[in-house]
Amino acid sequence: MQRFASLFRISCCAALLAFAAAQDAKDIPKIAGESLAGRRVLLPDATAGKLTVLVIGFSKASKAPTSAWARKAVADFGSRSGFELYQLAVLQDVPRFIRGFVISGIKSGVPKTQHDHFLLVVEGEAELKKLVSYKEPDDAYMVVLDRGGKSVRQRHGEFSDASYSELRQEIESLLSNQK
């Protein structure tokens, strides 16, 4: 009987933790962009059913940290089923008359193998900044979406091995819990 009571308490605690985690998940705005491959993408719809990491940059100087975060995450998780990563360059504030030059520069700097998952976003910047609690223009902003497209984890900043290790553990845990 005592064993049953212990199992019951453990089950209740697990259910409460799962419920609490679900309560922390929040909807994200629809993000429309065009991939460097020329495909129109609507997030989170395009990644339904998959754990997704969005790596977002709001300035030219954010290229280095966003690239570093994305490169490590793709190396560690890119071949895992149920995982997607999209890199987003937010270009709404780039004047239209030079936007083509900026896009051309981005396209030439991103390996062709990543063109399908690299989005150019030219609208909805205010909503994205609100989503990520925008503070520093040159930071990389990471948003982890669960299988239902809800934001479950976020972080921002320069790339470091210690910070990436934390993100890696979070992603690994979420992928393990999705099975």
C-alpha atoms as a PDB file:
ATOM      1  CA  MET A   1       0.000   0.000   0.000  1.00  0.00           C
ATOM      2  CA  GLN A   2       2.841   2.371   0.844  1.00  0.00           C
ATOM      3  CA  ARG A   3       4.425   1.635  -2.527  1.00  0.00           C
ATOM      4  CA  PHE A   4       1.164   2.582  -4.248  1.00  0.00           C
ATOM      5  CA  ALA A   5       1.009   5.843  -2.272  1.00  0.00           C
ATOM      6  CA  SER A   6       4.577   6.700  -3.301  1.00  0.00           C
ATOM      7  CA  LEU A   7       3.837   5.975  -6.962  1.00  0.00           C
ATOM      8  CA  PHE A   8       0.691   8.055  -6.724  1.00  0.00           C
ATOM      9  CA  ARG A   9       2.618  11.027  -5.267  1.00  0.00           C
ATOM     10  CA  ILE A  10       5.307  10.750  -7.961  1.00  0.00           C
ATOM     11  CA  SER A  11       2.641  10.602 -10.677  1.00  0.00           C
ATOM     12  CA  CYS A  12       0.899  13.661  -9.258  1.00  0.00           C
ATOM     13  CA  CYS A  13       4.162  15.619  -9.087  1.00  0.00           C
ATOM     14  CA  ALA A  14       4.996  14.690 -12.689  1.00  0.00           C
ATOM     15  CA  ALA A  15       1.529  15.759 -13.824  1.00  0.00           C
ATOM     16  CA  LEU A  16       1.853  19.080 -11.978  1.00  0.00           C
ATOM     17  CA  LEU A  17       5.269  19.729 -13.528  1.00  0.00           C
ATOM     18  CA  ALA A  18       3.932  18.962 -17.001  1.00  0.00           C
ATOM     19  CA  PHE A  19       0.958  21.256 -16.372  1.00  0.00           C
ATOM     20  CA  ALA A  20       3.261  24.038 -15.123  1.00  0.00           C
ATOM     21  CA  ALA A  21       5.489  23.671 -18.184  1.00  0.00           C
ATOM     22  CA  ALA A  22       2.451  23.879 -20.450  1.00  0.00           C
ATOM     23  CA  GLN A  23       1.344  27.063 -18.672  1.00  0.00           C
ATOM     24  CA  ASP A  24       4.747  28.672 -19.341  1.00  0.00           C
ATOM     25  CA  ALA A  25       4.419  28.032 -23.086  1.00  0.00           C
ATOM     26  CA  LYS A  26       3.189  31.074 -24.948  1.00  0.00           C
ATOM     27  CA  ASP A  27       1.859  31.698 -28.405  1.00  0.00           C
ATOM     28  CA  ILE A  28       4.124  33.416 -30.860  1.00  0.00           C
ATOM     29  CA  PRO A  29       2.975  35.814 -33.568  1.00  0.00           C
ATOM     30  CA  LYS A  30       2.774  34.516 -37.118  1.00  0.00           C
ATOM     31  CA  ILE A  31       6.124  35.170 -38.751  1.00  0.00           C
ATOM     32  CA  ALA A  32       6.117  35.469 -42.525  1.00  0.00           C
ATOM     33  CA  GLY A  33       9.350  35.457 -44.452  1.00  0.00           C
ATOM     34  CA  GLU A  34      11.000  34.375 -47.633  1.00  0.00           C
ATOM     35  CA  SER A  35      13.785  31.833 -47.477  1.00  0.00           C
ATOM     36  CA  LEU A  36      17.021  32.492 -49.321  1.00  0.00           C
ATOM     37  CA  ALA A  37      15.870  29.646 -51.597  1.00  0.00           C
ATOM     38  CA  GLY A  38      12.888  31.833 -52.617  1.00  0.00           C
ATOM     39  CA  ARG A  39      10.222  29.896 -50.714  1.00  0.00           C
ATOM     40  CA  ARG A  40       7.519  31.720 -48.696  1.00  0.00           C
ATOM     41  CA  VAL A  41       7.490  30.412 -45.096  1.00  0.00           C
ATOM     42  CA  LEU A  42       4.956  31.047 -42.337  1.00  0.00           C
ATOM     43  CA  LEU A  43       6.115  30.223 -38.836  1.00  0.00           C
ATOM     44  CA  PRO A  44       5.204  28.456 -36.642  1.00  0.00           C
ATOM     45  CA  ASP A  45       2.906  26.683 -39.143  1.00  0.00           C
ATOM     46  CA  ALA A  46       5.809  25.399 -41.266  1.00  0.00           C
ATOM     47  CA  THR A  47       7.314  23.542 -38.309  1.00  0.00           C
ATOM     48  CA  ALA A  48       4.169  21.987 -36.830  1.00  0.00           C
ATOM     49  CA  GLY A  49       4.919  18.755 -35.027  1.00  0.00           C
ATOM     50  CA  LYS A  50       8.632  19.509 -34.602  1.00  0.00           C
ATOM     51  CA  LEU A  51      10.754  21.067 -31.896  1.00  0.00           C
ATOM     52  CA  THR A  52      12.029  24.250 -33.508  1.00  0.00           C
ATOM     53  CA  VAL A  53      14.756  26.729 -32.688  1.00  0.00           C
ATOM     54  CA  LEU A  54      14.497  30.207 -34.154  1.00  0.00           C
ATOM     55  CA  VAL A  55      17.746  32.185 -34.190  1.00  0.00           C
ATOM     56  CA  ILE A  56      16.850  35.823 -34.786  1.00  0.00           C
ATOM     57  CA  GLY A  57      19.063  38.771 -35.663  1.00  0.00           C
ATOM     58  CA  PHE A  58      17.993  42.402 -35.822  1.00  0.00           C
ATOM     59  CA  SER A  59      21.206  44.059 -37.074  1.00  0.00           C
ATOM     60  CA  LYS A  60      24.168  43.506 -39.356  1.00  0.00           C
ATOM     61  CA  ALA A  61      26.389  43.104 -36.286  1.00  0.00           C
ATOM     62  CA  SER A  62      24.193  40.250 -35.025  1.00  0.00           C
ATOM     63  CA  LYS A  63      25.465  38.107 -37.911  1.00  0.00           C
ATOM     64  CA  ALA A  64      28.400  36.704 -35.916  1.00  0.00           C
ATOM     65  CA  PRO A  65      26.446  35.571 -32.839  1.00  0.00           C
ATOM     66  CA  THR A  66      23.424  34.308 -34.790  1.00  0.00           C
ATOM     67  CA  SER A  67      25.682  32.325 -37.112  1.00  0.00           C
ATOM     68  CA  ALA A  68      27.596  30.817 -34.185  1.00  0.00           C
ATOM     69  CA  TRP A  69      24.435  29.734 -32.326  1.00  0.00           C
ATOM     70  CA  ALA A  70      22.859  28.295 -35.472  1.00  0.00           C
ATOM     71  CA  ARG A  71      26.012  26.480 -36.585  1.00  0.00           C
ATOM     72  CA  LYS A  72      26.389  24.687 -33.228  1.00  0.00           C
ATOM     73  CA  ALA A  73      22.713  23.756 -32.950  1.00  0.00           C
ATOM     74  CA  VAL A  74      22.575  22.400 -36.506  1.00  0.00           C
ATOM     75  CA  ALA A  75      25.770  20.408 -35.927  1.00  0.00           C
ATOM     76  CA  ASP A  76      24.314  18.845 -32.764  1.00  0.00           C
ATOM     77  CA  PHE A  77      20.655  18.415 -33.737  1.00  0.00           C
ATOM     78  CA  GLY A  78      20.286  18.987 -37.486  1.00  0.00           C
ATOM     79  CA  SER A  79      20.097  15.290 -38.315  1.00  0.00           C
ATOM     80  CA  ARG A  80      17.623  14.475 -35.523  1.00  0.00           C
ATOM     81  CA  SER A  81      14.105  13.717 -36.605  1.00  0.00           C
ATOM     82  CA  GLY A  82      11.577  16.059 -35.081  1.00  0.00           C
ATOM     83  CA  PHE A  83      13.986  19.030 -35.034  1.00  0.00           C
ATOM     84  CA  GLU A  84      14.065  22.188 -37.167  1.00  0.00           C
ATOM     85  CA  LEU A  85      16.162  25.344 -36.984  1.00  0.00           C
ATOM     86  CA  TYR A  86      15.391  28.574 -38.787  1.00  0.00           C
ATOM     87  CA  GLN A  87      17.664  31.582 -38.841  1.00  0.00           C
ATOM     88  CA  LEU A  88      15.811  34.886 -39.277  1.00  0.00           C
ATOM     89  CA  ALA A  89      17.293  38.171 -40.486  1.00  0.00           C
ATOM     90  CA  VAL A  90      14.851  40.942 -39.605  1.00  0.00           C
ATOM     91  CA  LEU A  91      15.158  43.577 -42.333  1.00  0.00           C
ATOM     92  CA  GLN A  92      12.062  45.731 -41.838  1.00  0.00           C
ATOM     93  CA  ASP A  93      14.127  48.813 -40.909  1.00  0.00           C
ATOM     94  CA  VAL A  94      16.483  48.444 -43.879  1.00  0.00           C
ATOM     95  CA  PRO A  95      15.498  51.118 -46.431  1.00  0.00           C
ATOM     96  CA  ARG A  96      13.851  49.551 -49.478  1.00  0.00           C
ATOM     97  CA  PHE A  97      16.267  51.171 -51.924  1.00  0.00           C
ATOM     98  CA  ILE A  98      19.236  49.267 -50.429  1.00  0.00           C
ATOM     99  CA  ARG A  99      17.390  46.146 -49.264  1.00  0.00           C
ATOM    100  CA  GLY A 100      18.312  44.272 -52.453  1.00  0.00           C
ATOM    101  CA  PHE A 101      22.022  44.874 -51.826  1.00  0.00           C
ATOM    102  CA  VAL A 102      21.681  43.731 -48.216  1.00  0.00           C
ATOM    103  CA  ILE A 103      19.815  40.573 -49.249  1.00  0.00           C
ATOM    104  CA  SER A 104      22.413  39.840 -51.913  1.00  0.00           C
ATOM    105  CA  GLY A 105      25.179  40.162 -49.315  1.00  0.00           C
ATOM    106  CA  ILE A 106      23.354  37.874 -46.893  1.00  0.00           C
ATOM    107  CA  LYS A 107      22.697  35.307 -49.599  1.00  0.00           C
ATOM    108  CA  SER A 108      26.343  35.198 -50.659  1.00  0.00           C
ATOM    109  CA  GLY A 109      27.447  34.776 -47.028  1.00  0.00           C
ATOM    110  CA  VAL A 110      25.117  31.881 -46.163  1.00  0.00           C
ATOM    111  CA  PRO A 111      26.004  28.385 -47.408  1.00  0.00           C
ATOM    112  CA  LYS A 112      23.537  27.088 -50.024  1.00  0.00           C
ATOM    113  CA  THR A 113      22.741  24.112 -47.752  1.00  0.00           C
ATOM    114  CA  GLN A 114      21.142  26.585 -45.307  1.00  0.00           C
ATOM    115  CA  HIS A 115      19.121  28.647 -47.805  1.00  0.00           C
ATOM    116  CA  ASP A 116      15.876  26.740 -47.157  1.00  0.00           C
ATOM    117  CA  HIS A 117      16.054  27.512 -43.431  1.00  0.00           C
ATOM    118  CA  PHE A 118      17.294  31.100 -43.544  1.00  0.00           C
ATOM    119  CA  LEU A 119      14.421  33.591 -43.633  1.00  0.00           C
ATOM    120  CA  LEU A 120      14.340  37.233 -44.597  1.00  0.00           C
ATOM    121  CA  VAL A 121      11.669  38.961 -42.522  1.00  0.00           C
ATOM    122  CA  VAL A 122      10.488  42.394 -43.685  1.00  0.00           C
ATOM    123  CA  GLU A 123       7.358  42.827 -41.559  1.00  0.00           C
ATOM    124  CA  GLY A 124       6.267  42.216 -37.981  1.00  0.00           C
ATOM    125  CA  GLU A 125       9.469  43.481 -36.347  1.00  0.00           C
ATOM    126  CA  ALA A 126       7.649  45.065 -33.397  1.00  0.00           C
ATOM    127  CA  GLU A 127       5.898  41.783 -32.591  1.00  0.00           C
ATOM    128  CA  LEU A 128       9.176  39.853 -32.821  1.00  0.00           C
ATOM    129  CA  LYS A 129      10.924  42.320 -30.533  1.00  0.00           C
ATOM    130  CA  LYS A 130       8.120  41.967 -28.014  1.00  0.00           C
ATOM    131  CA  LEU A 131       8.310  38.159 -28.249  1.00  0.00           C
ATOM    132  CA  VAL A 132      12.042  38.084 -27.454  1.00  0.00           C
ATOM    133  CA  SER A 133      12.000  40.927 -24.881  1.00  0.00           C
ATOM    134  CA  TYR A 134      14.348  42.837 -27.167  1.00  0.00           C
ATOM    135  CA  LYS A 135      17.142  44.729 -25.444  1.00  0.00           C
ATOM    136  CA  GLU A 136      20.383  44.720 -27.415  1.00  0.00           C
ATOM    137  CA  PRO A 137      20.327  45.233 -31.203  1.00  0.00           C
ATOM    138  CA  ASP A 138      23.484  43.208 -31.884  1.00  0.00           C
ATOM    139  CA  ASP A 139      22.556  40.134 -29.810  1.00  0.00           C
ATOM    140  CA  ALA A 140      21.350  36.833 -31.167  1.00  0.00           C
ATOM    141  CA  TYR A 141      17.877  35.902 -29.908  1.00  0.00           C
ATOM    142  CA  MET A 142      16.913  32.241 -29.607  1.00  0.00           C
ATOM    143  CA  VAL A 143      13.330  31.042 -29.272  1.00  0.00           C
ATOM    144  CA  VAL A 144      12.589  27.350 -28.770  1.00  0.00           C
ATOM    145  CA  LEU A 145       9.162  26.244 -29.976  1.00  0.00           C
ATOM    146  CA  ASP A 146       7.461  23.060 -28.860  1.00  0.00           C
ATOM    147  CA  ARG A 147       5.714  20.732 -31.312  1.00  0.00           C
ATOM    148  CA  GLY A 148       2.589  22.889 -31.124  1.00  0.00           C
ATOM    149  CA  GLY A 149       4.490  26.041 -32.135  1.00  0.00           C
ATOM    150  CA  LYS A 150       4.467  27.650 -28.689  1.00  0.00           C
ATOM    151  CA  SER A 151       7.507  29.385 -27.234  1.00  0.00           C
ATOM    152  CA  VAL A 152       8.843  27.290 -24.351  1.00  0.00           C
ATOM    153  CA  ARG A 153      12.399  28.644 -23.929  1.00  0.00           C
ATOM    154  CA  GLN A 154      14.198  31.844 -24.827  1.00  0.00           C
ATOM    155  CA  ARG A 155      17.630  33.338 -24.440  1.00  0.00           C
ATOM    156  CA  HIS A 156      19.703  36.045 -26.045  1.00  0.00           C
ATOM    157  CA  GLY A 157      23.262  37.242 -26.177  1.00  0.00           C
ATOM    158  CA  GLU A 158      26.669  36.546 -27.581  1.00  0.00           C
ATOM    159  CA  PHE A 159      27.649  32.959 -28.230  1.00  0.00           C
ATOM    160  CA  SER A 160      29.686  31.205 -25.546  1.00  0.00           C
ATOM    161  CA  ASP A 161      30.349  27.534 -24.903  1.00  0.00           C
ATOM    162  CA  ALA A 162      28.757  27.799 -21.445  1.00  0.00           C
ATOM    163  CA  SER A 163      25.556  29.442 -22.745  1.00  0.00           C
ATOM    164  CA  TYR A 164      25.328  27.003 -25.624  1.00  0.00           C
ATOM    165  CA  SER A 165      25.771  24.080 -23.239  1.00  0.00           C
ATOM    166  CA  GLU A 166      22.681  25.257 -21.323  1.00  0.00           C
ATOM    167  CA  LEU A 167      20.658  25.638 -24.525  1.00  0.00           C
ATOM    168  CA  ARG A 168      21.864  22.253 -25.748  1.00  0.00           C
ATOM    169  CA  GLN A 169      20.678  20.584 -22.531  1.00  0.00           C
ATOM    170  CA  GLU A 170      17.278  22.307 -22.818  1.00  0.00           C
ATOM    171  CA  ILE A 171      16.869  21.156 -26.432  1.00  0.00           C
ATOM    172  CA  GLU A 172      18.002  17.620 -25.591  1.00  0.00           C
ATOM    173  CA  SER A 173      15.530  17.459 -22.720  1.00  0.00           C
ATOM    174  CA  LEU A 174      12.670  18.715 -24.888  1.00  0.00           C
ATOM    175  CA  LEU A 175      13.509  16.294 -27.694  1.00  0.00           C
ATOM    176  CA  SER A 176      13.669  13.401 -25.227  1.00  0.00           C
ATOM    177  CA  ASN A 177      10.299  14.350 -23.745  1.00  0.00           C
ATOM    178  CA  GLN A 178       8.641  14.430 -27.166  1.00  0.00           C
ATOM    179  CA  LYS A 179       8.995  10.734 -27.814  1.00  0.00           C
END
